[in-house]
PDB file of N, CA and C in Angstrom:
ATOM      1  N   MET A   1      69.787-145.248 -78.600  1.00  0.00           N
ATOM      2  CA  MET A   1      70.090-145.984 -77.801  1.00  0.00           C
ATOM      3  C   MET A   1      69.083-146.827 -76.763  1.00  0.00           C
ATOM      4  N   GLY A   2      68.577-146.428 -77.460  1.00  0.00           N
ATOM      5  CA  GLY A   2      67.054-147.004 -76.787  1.00  0.00           C
ATOM      6  C   GLY A   2      66.686-145.645 -76.042  1.00  0.00           C
ATOM      7  N   GLN A   3      65.847-146.609 -74.670  1.00  0.00           N
ATOM      8  CA  GLN A   3      64.977-145.622 -73.728  1.00  0.00           C
ATOM      9  C   GLN A   3      66.180-144.930 -72.969  1.00  0.00           C
ATOM     10  N   LEU A   4      67.236-145.365 -72.883  1.00  0.00           N
ATOM     11  CA  LEU A   4      67.948-144.978 -72.072  1.00  0.00           C
ATOM     12  C   LEU A   4      68.350-144.510 -72.839  1.00  0.00           C
ATOM     13  N   GLY A   5      68.706-142.819 -72.503  1.00  0.00           N
ATOM     14  CA  GLY A   5      69.984-141.576 -73.314  1.00  0.00           C
ATOM     15  C   GLY A   5      71.189-141.528 -73.626  1.00  0.00           C
ATOM     16  N   THR A   6      71.885-141.155 -74.152  1.00  0.00           N
ATOM     17  CA  THR A   6      73.230-140.819 -73.946  1.00  0.00           C
ATOM     18  C   THR A   6      73.663-139.847 -72.532  1.00  0.00           C
ATOM     19  N   LYS A   7      72.801-139.323 -71.985  1.00  0.00           N
ATOM     20  CA  LYS A   7      72.913-138.475 -70.688  1.00  0.00           C
ATOM     21  C   LYS A   7      72.823-138.779 -69.501  1.00  0.00           C
ATOM     22  N   SER A   8      71.127-139.913 -70.265  1.00  0.00           N
ATOM     23  CA  SER A   8      71.129-140.965 -68.417  1.00  0.00           C
ATOM     24  C   SER A   8      72.192-141.862 -68.138  1.00  0.00           C
ATOM     25  N   LEU A   9      72.965-142.229 -69.512  1.00  0.00           N
ATOM     26  CA  LEU A   9      73.874-143.516 -68.670  1.00  0.00           C
ATOM     27  C   LEU A   9      74.701-142.642 -68.253  1.00  0.00           C
ATOM     28  N   PHE A  10      75.321-141.406 -68.908  1.00  0.00           N
ATOM     29  CA  PHE A  10      75.923-140.343 -68.087  1.00  0.00           C
ATOM     30  C   PHE A  10      75.862-140.391 -66.774  1.00  0.00           C
ATOM     31  N   ALA A  11      74.842-139.985 -66.557  1.00  0.00           N
ATOM     32  CA  ALA A  11      74.552-140.022 -64.941  1.00  0.00           C
ATOM     33  C   ALA A  11      74.643-140.783 -64.009  1.00  0.00           C
ATOM     34  N   ILE A  12      73.798-141.936 -64.649  1.00  0.00           N
ATOM     35  CA  ILE A  12      74.182-143.423 -63.905  1.00  0.00           C
ATOM     36  C   ILE A  12      75.021-144.453 -63.957  1.00  0.00           C
ATOM     37  N   LEU A  13      76.262-143.853 -64.603  1.00  0.00           N
ATOM     38  CA  LEU A  13      78.215-144.220 -64.315  1.00  0.00           C
ATOM     39  C   LEU A  13      78.389-143.082 -63.547  1.00  0.00           C
ATOM     40  N   LEU A  14      78.715-142.028 -63.857  1.00  0.00           N
ATOM     41  CA  LEU A  14      78.850-140.612 -62.733  1.00  0.00           C
ATOM     42  C   LEU A  14      78.683-141.296 -61.139  1.00  0.00           C
ATOM     43  N   GLY A  15      77.128-141.439 -61.253  1.00  0.00           N
ATOM     44  CA  GLY A  15      76.758-141.521 -60.142  1.00  0.00           C
ATOM     45  C   GLY A  15      77.096-142.521 -59.033  1.00  0.00           C
ATOM     46  N   LEU A  16      77.120-144.138 -59.781  1.00  0.00           N
ATOM     47  CA  LEU A  16      77.956-145.106 -59.253  1.00  0.00           C
ATOM     48  C   LEU A  16      79.588-144.724 -58.790  1.00  0.00           C
ATOM     49  N   ALA A  17      79.573-143.988 -59.965  1.00  0.00           N
ATOM     50  CA  ALA A  17      82.039-144.436 -59.622  1.00  0.00           C
ATOM     51  C   ALA A  17      81.464-143.302 -58.189  1.00  0.00           C
ATOM     52  N   SER A  18      81.515-141.993 -58.015  1.00  0.00           N
ATOM     53  CA  SER A  18      81.033-141.407 -56.988  1.00  0.00           C
ATOM     54  C   SER A  18      80.660-142.172 -55.999  1.00  0.00           C
ATOM     55  N   LEU A  19      80.011-143.246 -55.783  1.00  0.00           N
ATOM     56  CA  LEU A  19      79.884-143.779 -54.741  1.00  0.00           C
ATOM     57  C   LEU A  19      80.872-145.242 -54.681  1.00  0.00           C
ATOM     58  N   ALA A  20      81.796-145.072 -55.695  1.00  0.00           N
ATOM     59  CA  ALA A  20      82.712-146.635 -56.117  1.00  0.00           C
ATOM     60  C   ALA A  20      83.578-145.770 -54.923  1.00  0.00           C
ATOM     61  N   ALA A  21      83.594-144.430 -55.376  1.00  0.00           N
ATOM     62  CA  ALA A  21      85.012-143.412 -54.696  1.00  0.00           C
ATOM     63  C   ALA A  21      84.894-143.050 -53.581  1.00  0.00           C
ATOM     64  N   LEU A  22      84.069-143.364 -52.604  1.00  0.00           N
ATOM     65  CA  LEU A  22      83.526-142.931 -51.306  1.00  0.00           C
ATOM     66  C   LEU A  22      84.200-144.655 -50.235  1.00  0.00           C
ATOM     67  N   GLY A  23      84.847-145.506 -51.495  1.00  0.00           N
ATOM     68  CA  GLY A  23      85.536-146.446 -50.374  1.00  0.00           C
ATOM     69  C   GLY A  23      86.753-145.561 -50.387  1.00  0.00           C
ATOM     70  N   ASP A  24      86.982-144.650 -50.926  1.00  0.00           N
ATOM     71  CA  ASP A  24      88.643-144.132 -51.482  1.00  0.00           C
ATOM     72  C   ASP A  24      88.931-142.794 -50.768  1.00  0.00           C
ATOM     73  N   GLN A  25      87.982-142.840 -49.287  1.00  0.00           N
ATOM     74  CA  GLN A  25      88.290-141.399 -49.678  1.00  0.00           C
ATOM     75  C   GLN A  25      89.214-140.505 -48.166  1.00  0.00           C
ATOM     76  N   THR A  26      89.814-141.527 -48.396  1.00  0.00           N
ATOM     77  CA  THR A  26      91.532-141.603 -47.804  1.00  0.00           C
ATOM     78  C   THR A  26      92.527-140.503 -49.294  1.00  0.00           C
ATOM     79  N   LEU A  27      91.825-140.844 -50.002  1.00  0.00           N
ATOM     80  CA  LEU A  27      92.552-140.906 -51.397  1.00  0.00           C
ATOM     81  C   LEU A  27      92.305-138.638 -51.457  1.00  0.00           C
ATOM     82  N   PRO A  28      94.044-138.267 -51.883  1.00  0.00           N
ATOM     83  CA  PRO A  28      93.656-136.296 -52.376  1.00  0.00           C
ATOM     84  C   PRO A  28      92.789-136.293 -53.186  1.00  0.00           C
ATOM     85  N   PRO A  29      92.132-135.700 -53.219  1.00  0.00           N
ATOM     86  CA  PRO A  29      90.793-134.676 -54.584  1.00  0.00           C
ATOM     87  C   PRO A  29      91.508-135.017 -55.434  1.00  0.00           C
ATOM     88  N   ASP A  30      92.452-134.614 -56.086  1.00  0.00           N
ATOM     89  CA  ASP A  30      93.391-135.328 -57.988  1.00  0.00           C
ATOM     90  C   ASP A  30      93.131-136.181 -57.793  1.00  0.00           C
ATOM     91  N   VAL A  31      93.630-137.520 -56.923  1.00  0.00           N
ATOM     92  CA  VAL A  31      94.086-139.048 -57.420  1.00  0.00           C
ATOM     93  C   VAL A  31      92.206-139.387 -57.407  1.00  0.00           C
ATOM     94  N   ALA A  32      91.431-138.948 -56.586  1.00  0.00           N
ATOM     95  CA  ALA A  32      89.741-139.482 -56.410  1.00  0.00           C
ATOM     96  C   ALA A  32      89.539-139.256 -57.867  1.00  0.00           C
ATOM     97  N   ARG A  33      89.628-137.888 -58.462  1.00  0.00           N
ATOM     98  CA  ARG A  33      88.944-137.938 -59.723  1.00  0.00           C
ATOM     99  C   ARG A  33      89.705-138.050 -61.075  1.00  0.00           C
ATOM    100  N   PHE A  34      90.906-138.667 -60.662  1.00  0.00           N
ATOM    101  CA  PHE A  34      91.498-139.813 -61.342  1.00  0.00           C
ATOM    102  C   PHE A  34      90.646-140.960 -61.610  1.00  0.00           C
ATOM    103  N   VAL A  35      90.985-141.543 -60.349  1.00  0.00           N
ATOM    104  CA  VAL A  35      90.034-142.571 -60.127  1.00  0.00           C
ATOM    105  C   VAL A  35      88.773-142.826 -60.860  1.00  0.00           C
ATOM    106  N   GLN A  36      87.954-142.196 -60.692  1.00  0.00           N
ATOM    107  CA  GLN A  36      86.600-141.912 -60.964  1.00  0.00           C
ATOM    108  C   GLN A  36      87.172-142.039 -62.447  1.00  0.00           C
ATOM    109  N   ARG A  37      87.816-141.079 -63.696  1.00  0.00           N
ATOM    110  CA  ARG A  37      87.137-140.866 -64.500  1.00  0.00           C
ATOM    111  C   ARG A  37      88.674-141.525 -65.194  1.00  0.00           C
ATOM    112  N   ARG A  38      89.473-142.898 -64.641  1.00  0.00           N
ATOM    113  CA  ARG A  38      89.800-143.554 -65.285  1.00  0.00           C
ATOM    114  C   ARG A  38      89.017-144.966 -65.118  1.00  0.00           C
ATOM    115  N   ASP A  39      88.721-144.998 -64.220  1.00  0.00           N
ATOM    116  CA  ASP A  39      87.122-146.045 -63.263  1.00  0.00           C
ATOM    117  C   ASP A  39      86.169-146.659 -64.969  1.00  0.00           C
ATOM    118  N   LEU A  40      85.661-144.588 -65.465  1.00  0.00           N
ATOM    119  CA  LEU A  40      84.387-144.574 -66.850  1.00  0.00           C
ATOM    120  C   LEU A  40      85.856-145.127 -68.328  1.00  0.00           C
ATOM    121  N   CYS A  41      86.402-144.691 -68.035  1.00  0.00           N
ATOM    122  CA  CYS A  41      87.468-145.162 -68.918  1.00  0.00           C
ATOM    123  C   CYS A  41      87.406-146.483 -69.529  1.00  0.00           C
ATOM    124  N   ASP A  42      88.342-147.393 -68.558  1.00  0.00           N
ATOM    125  CA  ASP A  42      88.414-148.815 -68.465  1.00  0.00           C
ATOM    126  C   ASP A  42      86.941-149.501 -68.812  1.00  0.00           C
ATOM    127  N   HIS A  43      85.560-149.063 -67.964  1.00  0.00           N
ATOM    128  CA  HIS A  43      84.522-149.482 -68.264  1.00  0.00           C
ATOM    129  C   HIS A  43      84.379-149.372 -69.583  1.00  0.00           C
ATOM    130  N   PHE A  44      84.787-148.366 -70.716  1.00  0.00           N
ATOM    131  CA  PHE A  44      84.421-148.463 -72.003  1.00  0.00           C
ATOM    132  C   PHE A  44      84.552-149.239 -73.115  1.00  0.00           C
ATOM    133  N   ARG A  45      86.316-149.192 -72.235  1.00  0.00           N
ATOM    134  CA  ARG A  45      87.018-149.887 -73.308  1.00  0.00           C
ATOM    135  C   ARG A  45      87.148-151.062 -73.527  1.00  0.00           C
ATOM    136  N   GLY A  46      86.080-151.927 -72.381  1.00  0.00           N
ATOM    137  CA  GLY A  46      85.382-153.080 -72.270  1.00  0.00           C
ATOM    138  C   GLY A  46      84.032-153.837 -72.912  1.00  0.00           C
ATOM    139  N   GLU A  47      83.703-152.845 -73.319  1.00  0.00           N
ATOM    140  CA  GLU A  47      82.458-152.857 -73.894  1.00  0.00           C
ATOM    141  C   GLU A  47      82.601-153.371 -75.323  1.00  0.00           C
ATOM    142  N   GLU A  48      81.522-153.845 -75.451  1.00  0.00           N
ATOM    143  CA  GLU A  48      81.451-154.723 -76.614  1.00  0.00           C
ATOM    144  C   GLU A  48      80.415-153.301 -77.999  1.00  0.00           C
ATOM    145  N   PRO A  49      82.069-153.071 -79.201  1.00  0.00           N
ATOM    146  CA  PRO A  49      80.487-152.520 -80.361  1.00  0.00           C
ATOM    147  C   PRO A  49      79.956-153.285 -80.776  1.00  0.00           C
ATOM    148  N   TYR A  50      78.552-153.251 -80.734  1.00  0.00           N
ATOM    149  CA  TYR A  50      77.534-154.325 -81.250  1.00  0.00           C
ATOM    150  C   TYR A  50      77.852-153.731 -82.740  1.00  0.00           C
ATOM    151  N   ASP A  51      77.417-153.379 -82.927  1.00  0.00           N
ATOM    152  CA  ASP A  51      76.814-152.149 -83.686  1.00  0.00           C
ATOM    153  C   ASP A  51      77.312-150.512 -84.410  1.00  0.00           C
ATOM    154  N   ALA A  52      77.478-150.271 -85.100  1.00  0.00           N
ATOM    155  CA  ALA A  52      77.434-148.837 -85.258  1.00  0.00           C
ATOM    156  C   ALA A  52      77.453-147.705 -84.697  1.00  0.00           C
ATOM    157  N   GLU A  53      76.253-147.782 -84.200  1.00  0.00           N
ATOM    158  CA  GLU A  53      75.059-146.361 -82.856  1.00  0.00           C
ATOM    159  C   GLU A  53      76.403-147.038 -81.839  1.00  0.00           C
ATOM    160  N   ARG A  54      76.524-148.152 -80.904  1.00  0.00           N
ATOM    161  CA  ARG A  54      77.205-148.552 -80.511  1.00  0.00           C
ATOM    162  C   ARG A  54      79.017-148.256 -80.162  1.00  0.00           C
ATOM    163  N   ARG A  55      79.230-148.202 -81.516  1.00  0.00           N
ATOM    164  CA  ARG A  55      80.444-147.799 -81.663  1.00  0.00           C
ATOM    165  C   ARG A  55      81.092-146.687 -81.455  1.00  0.00           C
ATOM    166  N   GLU A  56      80.156-145.863 -82.342  1.00  0.00           N
ATOM    167  CA  GLU A  56      79.848-144.394 -82.382  1.00  0.00           C
ATOM    168  C   GLU A  56      79.939-144.692 -80.422  1.00  0.00           C
ATOM    169  N   PHE A  57      79.469-144.489 -79.876  1.00  0.00           N
ATOM    170  CA  PHE A  57      79.238-144.522 -78.258  1.00  0.00           C
ATOM    171  C   PHE A  57      79.921-144.386 -77.526  1.00  0.00           C
ATOM    172  N   LEU A  58      80.451-145.631 -77.975  1.00  0.00           N
ATOM    173  CA  LEU A  58      81.853-146.647 -77.179  1.00  0.00           C
ATOM    174  C   LEU A  58      83.061-145.394 -77.002  1.00  0.00           C
ATOM    175  N   ASN A  59      83.341-144.671 -78.859  1.00  0.00           N
ATOM    176  CA  ASN A  59      84.688-143.892 -79.032  1.00  0.00           C
ATOM    177  C   ASN A  59      83.851-142.346 -78.738  1.00  0.00           C
ATOM    178  N   LYS A  60      82.921-142.447 -78.792  1.00  0.00           N
ATOM    179  CA  LYS A  60      82.827-140.522 -78.019  1.00  0.00           C
ATOM    180  C   LYS A  60      83.156-140.928 -76.645  1.00  0.00           C
ATOM    181  N   SER A  61      82.748-141.973 -75.659  1.00  0.00           N
ATOM    182  CA  SER A  61      83.092-142.173 -74.606  1.00  0.00           C
ATOM    183  C   SER A  61      84.585-141.991 -73.971  1.00  0.00           C
ATOM    184  N   MET A  62      85.416-142.566 -74.862  1.00  0.00           N
ATOM    185  CA  MET A  62      86.576-143.338 -74.326  1.00  0.00           C
ATOM    186  C   MET A  62      87.201-142.284 -74.675  1.00  0.00           C
ATOM    187  N   ARG A  63      86.746-141.219 -75.811  1.00  0.00           N
ATOM    188  CA  ARG A  63      87.967-139.410 -75.909  1.00  0.00           C
ATOM    189  C   ARG A  63      87.617-139.218 -74.994  1.00  0.00           C
ATOM    190  N   GLU A  64      86.383-139.346 -73.743  1.00  0.00           N
ATOM    191  CA  GLU A  64      86.219-137.939 -73.512  1.00  0.00           C
ATOM    192  C   GLU A  64      86.363-138.450 -71.558  1.00  0.00           C
ATOM    193  N   PHE A  65      86.476-139.571 -71.730  1.00  0.00           N
ATOM    194  CA  PHE A  65      86.719-140.233 -70.237  1.00  0.00           C
ATOM    195  C   PHE A  65      88.616-140.836 -70.210  1.00  0.00           C
ATOM    196  N   CYS A  66      89.299-140.988 -71.475  1.00  0.00           N
ATOM    197  CA  CYS A  66      90.429-141.465 -71.449  1.00  0.00           C
ATOM    198  C   CYS A  66      91.909-141.433 -72.194  1.00  0.00           C
ATOM    199  N   ILE A  67      91.605-139.876 -73.295  1.00  0.00           N
ATOM    200  CA  ILE A  67      92.627-138.728 -73.366  1.00  0.00           C
ATOM    201  C   ILE A  67      92.964-138.225 -72.280  1.00  0.00           C
ATOM    202  N   GLY A  68      94.032-138.073 -71.746  1.00  0.00           N
ATOM    203  CA  GLY A  68      94.843-137.467 -70.845  1.00  0.00           C
ATOM    204  C   GLY A  68      95.198-138.380 -69.935  1.00  0.00           C
ATOM    205  N   THR A  69      94.807-139.483 -69.730  1.00  0.00           N
ATOM    206  CA  THR A  69      94.590-139.875 -68.115  1.00  0.00           C
ATOM    207  C   THR A  69      95.938-140.954 -68.409  1.00  0.00           C
ATOM    208  N   ASP A  70      96.513-141.197 -69.342  1.00  0.00           N
ATOM    209  CA  ASP A  70      98.386-141.461 -69.464  1.00  0.00           C
ATOM    210  C   ASP A  70      98.638-140.428 -68.625  1.00  0.00           C
ATOM    211  N   ALA A  71      98.523-138.867 -68.865  1.00  0.00           N
ATOM    212  CA  ALA A  71     100.453-138.777 -68.590  1.00  0.00           C
ATOM    213  C   ALA A  71      99.324-138.056 -67.004  1.00  0.00           C
ATOM    214  N   GLU A  72      98.495-137.764 -66.818  1.00  0.00           N
ATOM    215  CA  GLU A  72      97.395-137.394 -65.756  1.00  0.00           C
ATOM    216  C   GLU A  72      98.121-138.819 -64.736  1.00  0.00           C
ATOM    217  N   LEU A  73      97.901-140.208 -64.786  1.00  0.00           N
ATOM    218  CA  LEU A  73      98.729-140.600 -63.980  1.00  0.00           C
ATOM    219  C   LEU A  73     100.500-141.040 -63.435  1.00  0.00           C
ATOM    220  N   ALA A  74     100.619-140.594 -65.099  1.00  0.00           N
ATOM    221  CA  ALA A  74     102.169-140.701 -64.750  1.00  0.00           C
ATOM    222  C   ALA A  74     102.923-139.433 -63.750  1.00  0.00           C
ATOM    223  N   THR A  75     102.032-138.157 -63.915  1.00  0.00           N
ATOM    224  CA  THR A  75     102.462-137.330 -63.264  1.00  0.00           C
ATOM    225  C   THR A  75     101.514-137.181 -61.255  1.00  0.00           C
ATOM    226  N   LEU A  76     100.212-137.901 -61.288  1.00  0.00           N
ATOM    227  CA  LEU A  76      99.828-137.889 -59.755  1.00  0.00           C
ATOM    228  C   LEU A  76     101.165-138.852 -59.221  1.00  0.00           C
ATOM    229  N   LYS A  77     101.320-139.909 -59.872  1.00  0.00           N
ATOM    230  CA  LYS A  77     102.589-140.997 -59.412  1.00  0.00           C
ATOM    231  C   LYS A  77     103.629-140.162 -58.718  1.00  0.00           C
ATOM    232  N   ARG A  78     104.714-139.487 -59.642  1.00  0.00           N
ATOM    233  CA  ARG A  78     105.387-138.401 -59.656  1.00  0.00           C
ATOM    234  C   ARG A  78     105.007-137.643 -58.244  1.00  0.00           C
ATOM    235  N   LYS A  79     103.642-136.955 -58.278  1.00  0.00           N
ATOM    236  CA  LYS A  79     103.635-136.327 -57.133  1.00  0.00           C
ATOM    237  C   LYS A  79     103.007-136.764 -55.982  1.00  0.00           C
ATOM    238  N   TYR A  80     102.734-137.762 -55.950  1.00  0.00           N
ATOM    239  CA  TYR A  80     102.558-139.195 -54.658  1.00  0.00           C
ATOM    240  C   TYR A  80     103.572-139.672 -54.503  1.00  0.00           C
ATOM    241  N   LYS A  81     104.718-139.924 -55.087  1.00  0.00           N
ATOM    242  CA  LYS A  81     105.203-141.296 -54.809  1.00  0.00           C
ATOM    243  C   LYS A  81     106.121-141.766 -53.798  1.00  0.00           C
ATOM    244  N   ASP A  82     105.631-140.607 -52.411  1.00  0.00           N
ATOM    245  CA  ASP A  82     106.576-140.656 -51.019  1.00  0.00           C
ATOM    246  C   ASP A  82     105.578-141.339 -50.352  1.00  0.00           C
ATOM    247  N   LYS A  83     103.836-141.263 -51.598  1.00  0.00           N
ATOM    248  CA  LYS A  83     102.282-141.382 -50.131  1.00  0.00           C
ATOM    249  C   LYS A  83     102.319-142.986 -50.583  1.00  0.00           C
ATOM    250  N   SER A  84     102.753-144.504 -50.125  1.00  0.00           N
ATOM    251  CA  SER A  84     102.863-145.605 -49.826  1.00  0.00           C
ATOM    252  C   SER A  84     101.269-145.484 -50.910  1.00  0.00           C
ATOM    253  N   ASP A  85      99.595-145.457 -49.576  1.00  0.00           N
ATOM    254  CA  ASP A  85      98.367-145.394 -50.195  1.00  0.00           C
ATOM    255  C   ASP A  85      98.226-144.933 -51.477  1.00  0.00           C
ATOM    256  N   VAL A  86      98.764-143.944 -51.623  1.00  0.00           N
ATOM    257  CA  VAL A  86      98.255-143.830 -53.493  1.00  0.00           C
ATOM    258  C   VAL A  86      98.780-144.015 -54.628  1.00  0.00           C
ATOM    259  N   MET A  87     100.074-144.339 -53.886  1.00  0.00           N
ATOM    260  CA  MET A  87     100.377-145.714 -54.977  1.00  0.00           C
ATOM    261  C   MET A  87      99.845-146.404 -54.891  1.00  0.00           C
ATOM    262  N   ALA A  88     100.299-147.290 -53.928  1.00  0.00           N
ATOM    263  CA  ALA A  88      99.082-147.810 -54.095  1.00  0.00           C
ATOM    264  C   ALA A  88      97.834-148.482 -55.370  1.00  0.00           C
ATOM    265  N   LYS A  89      97.182-147.263 -55.105  1.00  0.00           N
ATOM    266  CA  LYS A  89      95.715-147.035 -55.671  1.00  0.00           C
ATOM    267  C   LYS A  89      96.101-146.922 -57.298  1.00  0.00           C
ATOM    268  N   LEU A  90      97.318-146.358 -57.506  1.00  0.00           N
ATOM    269  CA  LEU A  90      97.627-146.000 -58.271  1.00  0.00           C
ATOM    270  C   LEU A  90      97.850-146.556 -59.467  1.00  0.00           C
ATOM    271  N   ALA A  91      98.936-147.677 -58.208  1.00  0.00           N
ATOM    272  CA  ALA A  91      99.601-148.929 -59.131  1.00  0.00           C
ATOM    273  C   ALA A  91      98.676-149.996 -59.933  1.00  0.00           C
ATOM    274  N   GLU A  92      97.570-150.015 -59.365  1.00  0.00           N
ATOM    275  CA  GLU A  92      96.585-150.594 -59.510  1.00  0.00           C
ATOM    276  C   GLU A  92      95.989-150.625 -61.321  1.00  0.00           C
ATOM    277  N   TYR A  93      96.257-149.132 -62.045  1.00  0.00           N
ATOM    278  CA  TYR A  93      95.749-148.383 -63.351  1.00  0.00           C
ATOM    279  C   TYR A  93      97.342-149.475 -63.968  1.00  0.00           C
ATOM    280  N   GLU A  94      96.817-149.498 -65.537  1.00  0.00           N
ATOM    281  CA  GLU A  94      97.611-149.771 -66.839  1.00  0.00           C
ATOM    282  C   GLU A  94      98.674-148.019 -66.778  1.00  0.00           C
ATOM    283  N   ALA A  95     100.253-148.107 -67.790  1.00  0.00           N
ATOM    284  CA  ALA A  95     100.804-146.730 -67.414  1.00  0.00           C
ATOM    285  C   ALA A  95     100.289-146.402 -68.867  1.00  0.00           C
ATOM    286  N   ALA A  96      99.799-147.062 -70.083  1.00  0.00           N
ATOM    287  CA  ALA A  96      99.560-146.490 -71.099  1.00  0.00           C
ATOM    288  C   ALA A  96      98.285-147.442 -71.925  1.00  0.00           C
ATOM    289  N   ILE A  97      97.713-146.640 -71.868  1.00  0.00           N
ATOM    290  CA  ILE A  97      96.726-147.274 -72.631  1.00  0.00           C
ATOM    291  C   ILE A  97      95.593-146.370 -73.443  1.00  0.00           C
ATOM    292  N   GLU A  98      96.378-145.607 -74.145  1.00  0.00           N
ATOM    293  CA  GLU A  98      95.770-144.152 -74.639  1.00  0.00           C
ATOM    294  C   GLU A  98      97.271-145.035 -75.913  1.00  0.00           C
ATOM    295  N   PRO A  99      96.155-144.393 -78.031  1.00  0.00           N
ATOM    296  CA  PRO A  99      97.395-144.438 -78.731  1.00  0.00           C
ATOM    297  C   PRO A  99      98.130-144.021 -78.659  1.00  0.00           C
ATOM    298  N   ARG A 100      99.153-144.241 -78.876  1.00  0.00           N
ATOM    299  CA  ARG A 100     100.323-143.370 -79.526  1.00  0.00           C
ATOM    300  C   ARG A 100     100.405-142.620 -80.675  1.00  0.00           C
TER     301      ARG A 100
END
Protein backbone atom coordinates (compact mmCIF):
# COMPACT_ATOMS: atom_id res chain seq x y z
CA MET A 1 0.00 0.00 0.00
CA GLY A 2 3.06 2.23 -0.13
CA GLN A 3 3.79 4.92 2.44
CA LEU A 4 0.15 5.28 3.40
CA GLY A 5 -0.88 2.16 5.31
CA THR A 6 -4.35 0.67 5.31
CA LYS A 7 -5.13 1.85 8.85
CA SER A 8 -4.01 5.38 8.04
CA LEU A 9 -6.16 5.43 4.93
CA PHE A 10 -9.20 4.23 6.90
CA ALA A 11 -8.61 6.93 9.52
CA ILE A 12 -8.43 9.61 6.84
CA LEU A 13 -11.54 8.34 5.04
CA LEU A 14 -13.51 8.07 8.27
CA GLY A 15 -12.47 11.59 9.19
CA LEU A 16 -13.60 12.90 5.81
CA ALA A 17 -16.88 11.04 6.11
CA SER A 18 -17.39 12.55 9.56
CA LEU A 19 -16.80 16.03 8.20
CA ALA A 20 -19.22 15.38 5.36
CA ALA A 21 -21.83 14.21 7.85
CA LEU A 22 -21.62 17.52 9.72
CA GLY A 23 -23.74 18.99 6.97
CA ASP A 24 -26.43 16.45 7.91
CA GLN A 25 -26.73 17.42 11.58
CA THR A 26 -30.51 17.14 11.38
CA LEU A 27 -30.32 13.43 10.59
CA PRO A 28 -31.05 10.96 13.38
CA PRO A 29 -27.86 9.27 14.69
CA ASP A 30 -28.67 5.88 13.13
CA VAL A 31 -29.21 7.48 9.74
CA ALA A 32 -26.02 9.57 10.05
CA ARG A 33 -24.04 6.39 10.84
CA PHE A 34 -25.59 4.63 7.85
CA VAL A 35 -24.73 7.58 5.57
CA GLN A 36 -21.10 7.53 6.71
CA ARG A 37 -20.76 3.79 6.21
CA ARG A 38 -22.59 3.67 2.89
CA ASP A 39 -20.61 6.62 1.52
CA LEU A 40 -17.39 4.74 2.30
CA CYS A 41 -18.87 1.62 0.72
CA ASP A 42 -19.78 3.53 -2.43
CA HIS A 43 -16.32 5.09 -2.54
CA PHE A 44 -14.59 1.70 -2.51
CA ARG A 45 -17.09 0.22 -4.99
CA GLY A 46 -16.05 2.88 -7.48
CA GLU A 47 -12.30 2.36 -7.15
CA GLU A 48 -10.17 0.61 -9.76
CA PRO A 49 -8.46 -2.68 -8.71
CA TYR A 50 -5.33 -2.05 -10.76
CA ASP A 51 -3.27 -4.85 -9.18
CA ALA A 52 -3.68 -7.85 -6.85
CA GLU A 53 -2.82 -5.91 -3.68
CA ARG A 54 -5.27 -3.16 -4.56
CA ARG A 55 -7.99 -5.72 -5.40
CA GLU A 56 -7.49 -7.39 -2.02
CA PHE A 57 -7.64 -4.01 -0.23
CA LEU A 58 -10.82 -3.01 -2.07
CA ASN A 59 -12.50 -6.37 -1.42
CA LYS A 60 -11.65 -6.11 2.30
CA SER A 61 -12.93 -2.54 2.43
CA MET A 62 -16.16 -3.44 0.66
CA ARG A 63 -16.74 -6.36 3.02
CA GLU A 64 -16.24 -4.01 5.96
CA PHE A 65 -18.39 -1.13 4.76
CA CYS A 66 -20.95 -2.65 2.35
CA ILE A 67 -22.18 -5.92 3.85
CA GLY A 68 -25.53 -5.40 5.50
CA THR A 69 -26.23 -1.96 4.08
CA ASP A 70 -29.04 -3.14 1.79
CA ALA A 71 -31.01 -4.45 4.78
CA GLU A 72 -30.07 -1.45 6.90
CA LEU A 73 -31.32 0.94 4.22
CA ALA A 74 -34.63 -0.91 3.98
CA THR A 75 -35.01 -0.86 7.77
CA LEU A 76 -34.28 2.87 7.97
CA LYS A 77 -36.76 3.59 5.19
CA ARG A 78 -39.48 1.74 7.10
CA LYS A 79 -38.56 3.43 10.38
CA TYR A 80 -38.52 6.98 8.95
CA LYS A 81 -41.24 6.64 6.28
CA ASP A 82 -43.06 9.69 7.71
CA LYS A 83 -39.96 11.92 7.87
CA SER A 84 -39.59 13.54 4.46
CA ASP A 85 -36.14 15.05 5.15
CA VAL A 86 -34.74 11.68 6.22
CA MET A 87 -36.43 9.87 3.34
CA ALA A 88 -34.95 12.39 0.89
CA LYS A 89 -31.46 11.56 2.15
CA LEU A 90 -32.08 7.81 2.09
CA ALA A 91 -33.45 8.05 -1.46
CA GLU A 92 -29.95 9.04 -2.61
CA TYR A 93 -28.76 5.44 -2.10
CA GLU A 94 -29.28 2.42 -4.33
CA ALA A 95 -31.54 -0.14 -2.66
CA ALA A 96 -29.56 -3.24 -3.70
CA ILE A 97 -25.79 -3.14 -4.07
CA GLU A 98 -24.83 -6.40 -2.38
CA PRO A 99 -24.46 -9.60 -4.39
CA ARG A 100 -27.37 -11.98 -3.97
